[in-house]
Amino acid sequence: MVLGSAADSDDVVQVACERAWRAIATVDARRSFRPWFLRIVANTARNQRRSGWRRQAAELRLAAQPTVLATADPESSSVSDAEREVVIAAMNGLDSDDRLVIALRHFEQLSDKEMAVVMACPEGTVKSRLSRAMSRLRSELVRRDPARDRGTESLDD
């Protein structure tokens, strides 16, 4: 999530749906609908931030969902919850552009090409922005938990 709260995200999606409905005639049938729509969502989110709506620290939908583990081991569950809290806090420490590029890749699972459409920039720019955002996330995780210094290599996946 990029905006700071689920309610803000829901509001942006609703406004984006209304805008998309009004602009549906502009959809190019030869292209994918999803990047077109997500670009409207991203632009609506940017407009919301610029208009001065309340800006809170980003909370990820993942944080609101309970952790489902194969084992009923409470210790494993609490470790997983604690790790998720650290990642959420680290994401909240990033700027909105970094959160956006990470969210599009890892939560929305968009390709570089789809992200380029949503972000209105070349694919190469998407790759470099994602690389820099992941580097900053890695640094933020290490800053928050120095013991993670050797365990952040998996963030490149």
Protein backbone atom coordinates (compact mmCIF):
# COMPACT_ATOMS: atom_id res chain seq x y z
CA MET A 1 0.00 0.00 0.00
CA VAL A 2 1.37 3.36 -0.96
CA LEU A 3 -0.97 5.93 0.59
CA GLY A 4 -0.79 5.25 4.29
CA SER A 5 -4.06 3.59 5.15
CA ALA A 6 -6.52 1.13 3.74
CA ALA A 7 -9.26 3.76 3.86
CA ASP A 8 -7.18 6.19 1.77
CA SER A 9 -6.40 3.44 -0.71
CA ASP A 10 -10.07 2.49 -0.95
CA ASP A 11 -10.98 6.13 -1.60
CA VAL A 12 -8.34 6.42 -4.33
CA VAL A 13 -9.50 3.21 -6.01
CA GLN A 14 -13.10 4.41 -5.95
CA VAL A 15 -12.18 7.76 -7.51
CA ALA A 16 -9.94 5.97 -10.03
CA CYS A 17 -12.82 3.66 -11.00
CA GLU A 18 -15.04 6.67 -11.62
CA ARG A 19 -12.33 8.33 -13.72
CA ALA A 20 -11.71 5.12 -15.64
CA TRP A 21 -15.44 4.74 -16.34
CA ARG A 22 -15.58 8.28 -17.73
CA ALA A 23 -12.49 7.61 -19.88
CA ILE A 24 -13.35 4.04 -20.95
CA ALA A 25 -13.66 5.17 -24.56
CA THR A 26 -9.94 5.93 -24.60
CA VAL A 27 -8.92 2.32 -23.92
CA ASP A 28 -6.85 0.87 -26.74
CA ALA A 29 -8.25 -2.63 -27.37
CA ARG A 30 -4.85 -3.77 -28.65
CA ARG A 31 -3.22 -3.09 -25.29
CA SER A 32 -3.66 -4.56 -21.85
CA PHE A 33 -6.38 -2.97 -19.70
CA ARG A 34 -4.60 -3.51 -16.37
CA PRO A 35 -1.65 -1.12 -16.90
CA TRP A 36 -4.05 1.52 -18.27
CA PHE A 37 -6.24 1.26 -15.19
CA LEU A 38 -3.31 1.10 -12.74
CA ARG A 39 -1.89 4.25 -14.30
CA ILE A 40 -5.16 6.00 -13.50
CA VAL A 41 -4.95 4.64 -9.94
CA ALA A 42 -1.33 5.79 -9.56
CA ASN A 43 -2.14 9.26 -10.91
CA THR A 44 -5.14 9.52 -8.61
CA ALA A 45 -2.95 8.56 -5.64
CA ARG A 46 -0.39 11.20 -6.60
CA ASN A 47 -3.16 13.78 -6.91
CA GLN A 48 -4.42 12.83 -3.46
CA ARG A 49 -0.97 13.35 -1.92
CA ARG A 50 -0.52 16.68 -3.71
CA SER A 51 -3.92 17.97 -2.62
CA GLY A 52 -2.85 17.78 1.00
CA TRP A 53 -5.14 15.01 2.16
CA ARG A 54 -3.97 13.54 5.43
CA ARG A 55 -0.80 11.62 4.99
CA GLN A 56 -0.07 8.81 7.37
CA ALA A 57 2.67 6.27 7.47
CA ALA A 58 1.97 3.54 4.92
CA GLU A 59 0.43 0.41 6.32
CA LEU A 60 0.41 -2.65 4.15
CA ARG A 61 -2.65 -4.80 3.68
CA LEU A 62 -0.42 -7.68 4.55
CA ALA A 63 -0.07 -6.27 8.05
CA ALA A 64 -3.82 -6.42 8.56
CA GLN A 65 -4.02 -10.06 7.55
CA PRO A 66 -3.24 -12.74 10.10
CA THR A 67 -0.23 -14.90 9.42
CA VAL A 68 -1.18 -18.38 8.31
CA LEU A 69 1.46 -20.94 9.14
CA ALA A 70 1.56 -24.65 8.47
CA THR A 71 2.51 -25.25 12.10
CA ALA A 72 0.59 -24.13 15.14
CA ASP A 73 3.83 -23.22 16.90
CA PRO A 74 3.21 -19.89 18.71
CA GLU A 75 6.93 -19.07 18.72
CA SER A 76 7.13 -19.39 14.94
CA SER A 77 4.01 -17.30 14.59
CA SER A 78 5.35 -14.51 16.79
CA VAL A 79 8.67 -14.47 14.94
CA SER A 80 6.85 -14.17 11.64
CA ASP A 81 4.64 -11.39 13.01
CA ALA A 82 7.69 -9.59 14.39
CA GLU A 83 9.49 -9.86 11.05
CA ARG A 84 6.45 -8.53 9.23
CA GLU A 85 6.30 -5.58 11.64
CA VAL A 86 9.98 -4.77 10.90
CA VAL A 87 9.37 -4.91 7.14
CA ILE A 88 6.28 -2.71 7.44
CA ALA A 89 8.17 -0.20 9.55
CA ALA A 90 11.02 -0.22 7.01
CA MET A 91 8.55 0.32 4.15
CA ASN A 92 7.02 3.21 6.09
CA GLY A 93 10.50 4.72 6.32
CA LEU A 94 10.75 4.96 2.54
CA ASP A 95 9.40 7.82 0.45
CA SER A 96 6.17 7.34 -1.48
CA ASP A 97 7.88 6.80 -4.85
CA ASP A 98 9.95 3.94 -3.41
CA ARG A 99 6.86 2.40 -1.79
CA LEU A 100 5.01 2.68 -5.11
CA VAL A 101 7.64 0.91 -7.20
CA ILE A 102 8.06 -1.86 -4.59
CA ALA A 103 4.30 -2.28 -4.24
CA LEU A 104 3.77 -2.51 -8.00
CA ARG A 105 6.43 -5.20 -8.33
CA HIS A 106 6.02 -7.26 -5.19
CA PHE A 107 2.37 -6.78 -4.23
CA GLU A 108 0.72 -6.20 -7.61
CA GLN A 109 3.28 -8.44 -9.35
CA LEU A 110 3.49 -6.28 -12.44
CA SER A 111 6.12 -6.83 -15.10
CA ASP A 112 8.66 -4.13 -15.99
CA LYS A 113 6.60 -3.30 -19.06
CA GLU A 114 3.36 -2.95 -17.08
CA MET A 115 5.12 -0.88 -14.44
CA ALA A 116 6.49 1.41 -17.16
CA VAL A 117 2.94 2.09 -18.35
CA VAL A 118 1.66 2.73 -14.81
CA MET A 119 4.59 4.98 -13.91
CA ALA A 120 4.70 6.68 -17.33
CA CYS A 121 8.42 6.09 -17.81
CA PRO A 122 10.71 3.78 -19.83
CA GLU A 123 11.30 0.18 -18.71
CA GLY A 124 14.95 0.96 -17.97
CA THR A 125 13.86 3.69 -15.58
CA VAL A 126 11.53 1.23 -13.85
CA LYS A 127 14.43 -1.18 -13.37
CA SER A 128 16.74 1.47 -11.94
CA ARG A 129 14.05 2.91 -9.66
CA LEU A 130 13.19 -0.56 -8.37
CA SER A 131 16.85 -1.36 -7.80
CA ARG A 132 17.40 1.87 -5.87
CA ALA A 133 14.18 1.42 -3.87
CA MET A 134 15.16 -2.13 -2.91
CA SER A 135 18.60 -0.89 -1.90
CA ARG A 136 17.02 1.78 0.30
CA LEU A 137 14.63 -0.82 1.79
CA ARG A 138 17.58 -3.09 2.48
CA SER A 139 19.40 -0.21 4.23
CA GLU A 140 16.29 0.68 6.20
CA LEU A 141 15.91 -2.94 7.35
CA VAL A 142 19.55 -3.05 8.46
CA ARG A 143 19.18 0.30 10.22
CA ARG A 144 16.18 -1.00 12.14
CA ASP A 145 17.71 -4.40 12.87
CA PRO A 146 21.51 -4.59 12.40
CA ALA A 147 21.36 -8.40 12.80
CA ARG A 148 19.65 -8.48 9.38
CA ASP A 149 22.81 -7.23 7.67
CA ARG A 150 23.62 -10.70 6.39
CA GLY A 151 20.01 -11.74 5.72
CA THR A 152 18.80 -9.11 3.27
CA GLU A 153 20.11 -10.77 0.11
CA SER A 154 16.68 -12.37 -0.45
CA LEU A 155 15.17 -8.94 -1.13
CA ASP A 156 16.46 -9.09 -4.69
CA ASP A 157 14.05 -11.90 -5.59
